[in-house]
């Protein structure tokens, strides 16, 4: 989890990371995919972003770290 936060240059306490949310653009950049891919994964149920009141997707740092771990183990 720290790797994501370091990559983003964020200094956040460990116990707050579950609440840290990232925009679709930041997540696409971190994972090396397009925002369209993330939307497709959302539709397919592979990712479950939180929606803001305005309907924007926000992704949990914890969920993104899990994807990075799977990606790195392949």
Protein backbone atom coordinates (compact mmCIF):
# COMPACT_ATOMS: atom_id res chain seq x y z
CA UNK A 1 0.00 0.00 0.00
CA UNK A 2 2.85 2.35 0.74
CA UNK A 3 4.10 2.01 -2.84
CA UNK A 4 0.97 3.66 -4.22
CA UNK A 5 1.10 6.47 -1.72
CA UNK A 6 4.80 7.03 -2.37
CA UNK A 7 4.17 7.07 -6.11
CA UNK A 8 1.52 9.72 -5.62
CA UNK A 9 3.71 11.69 -3.24
CA UNK A 10 1.13 11.43 -0.48
CA UNK A 11 2.07 11.41 3.18
CA UNK A 12 -0.90 9.70 4.80
CA UNK A 13 -1.00 7.78 8.05
CA UNK A 14 -1.32 4.02 7.66
CA UNK A 15 -4.63 3.76 9.53
CA UNK A 16 -6.24 6.27 7.15
CA UNK A 17 -5.37 4.46 3.94
CA UNK A 18 -8.60 2.48 3.75
CA UNK A 19 -10.36 5.83 3.42
CA UNK A 20 -8.01 7.22 0.78
CA UNK A 21 -9.77 7.45 -2.55
CA UNK A 22 -8.25 8.05 -5.96
CA UNK A 23 -9.77 9.48 -9.13
CA UNK A 24 -10.18 7.36 -12.24
CA UNK A 25 -7.38 9.30 -13.95
CA UNK A 26 -4.89 8.64 -11.12
CA UNK A 27 -5.78 4.94 -11.02
CA UNK A 28 -5.44 4.60 -14.79
CA UNK A 29 -2.02 6.23 -14.56
CA UNK A 30 -0.91 3.95 -11.71
CA UNK A 31 -2.08 0.77 -13.43
CA UNK A 32 -0.96 1.74 -16.92
CA UNK A 33 -4.42 1.33 -18.41
CA UNK A 34 -6.96 3.73 -19.88
CA UNK A 35 -9.94 5.18 -18.07
CA UNK A 36 -12.11 3.24 -20.56
CA UNK A 37 -10.53 0.01 -19.30
CA UNK A 38 -11.38 0.95 -15.71
CA UNK A 39 -14.97 1.71 -16.71
CA UNK A 40 -15.16 -1.69 -18.44
CA UNK A 41 -13.80 -3.40 -15.33
CA UNK A 42 -16.45 -1.58 -13.31
CA UNK A 43 -19.20 -2.81 -15.66
CA UNK A 44 -17.81 -6.35 -15.49
CA UNK A 45 -17.70 -6.25 -11.68
CA UNK A 46 -13.90 -6.56 -11.49
CA UNK A 47 -13.65 -3.25 -9.62
CA UNK A 48 -16.21 -1.59 -7.42
CA UNK A 49 -15.53 2.13 -7.23
CA UNK A 50 -17.32 4.41 -4.84
CA UNK A 51 -19.48 7.02 -6.55
CA UNK A 52 -19.46 10.64 -5.45
CA UNK A 53 -22.70 12.59 -5.24
CA UNK A 54 -21.85 13.93 -8.69
CA UNK A 55 -21.47 10.38 -10.06
CA UNK A 56 -17.66 10.38 -10.33
CA UNK A 57 -15.78 7.15 -9.65
CA UNK A 58 -13.36 7.00 -6.73
CA UNK A 59 -11.18 3.98 -6.08
CA UNK A 60 -9.86 2.76 -2.74
CA UNK A 61 -6.07 2.68 -2.38
CA UNK A 62 -6.43 -0.74 -0.75
CA UNK A 63 -8.33 -2.15 -3.77
CA UNK A 64 -5.80 -0.72 -6.22
CA UNK A 65 -2.91 -2.19 -4.23
CA UNK A 66 -4.54 -5.62 -4.51
CA UNK A 67 -4.70 -5.25 -8.31
CA UNK A 68 -1.05 -4.19 -8.42
CA UNK A 69 -0.07 -7.22 -6.32
CA UNK A 70 -1.93 -9.58 -8.69
CA UNK A 71 -0.43 -7.83 -11.71
CA UNK A 72 3.09 -8.14 -10.25
CA UNK A 73 2.64 -11.85 -9.45
CA UNK A 74 1.76 -12.73 -13.06
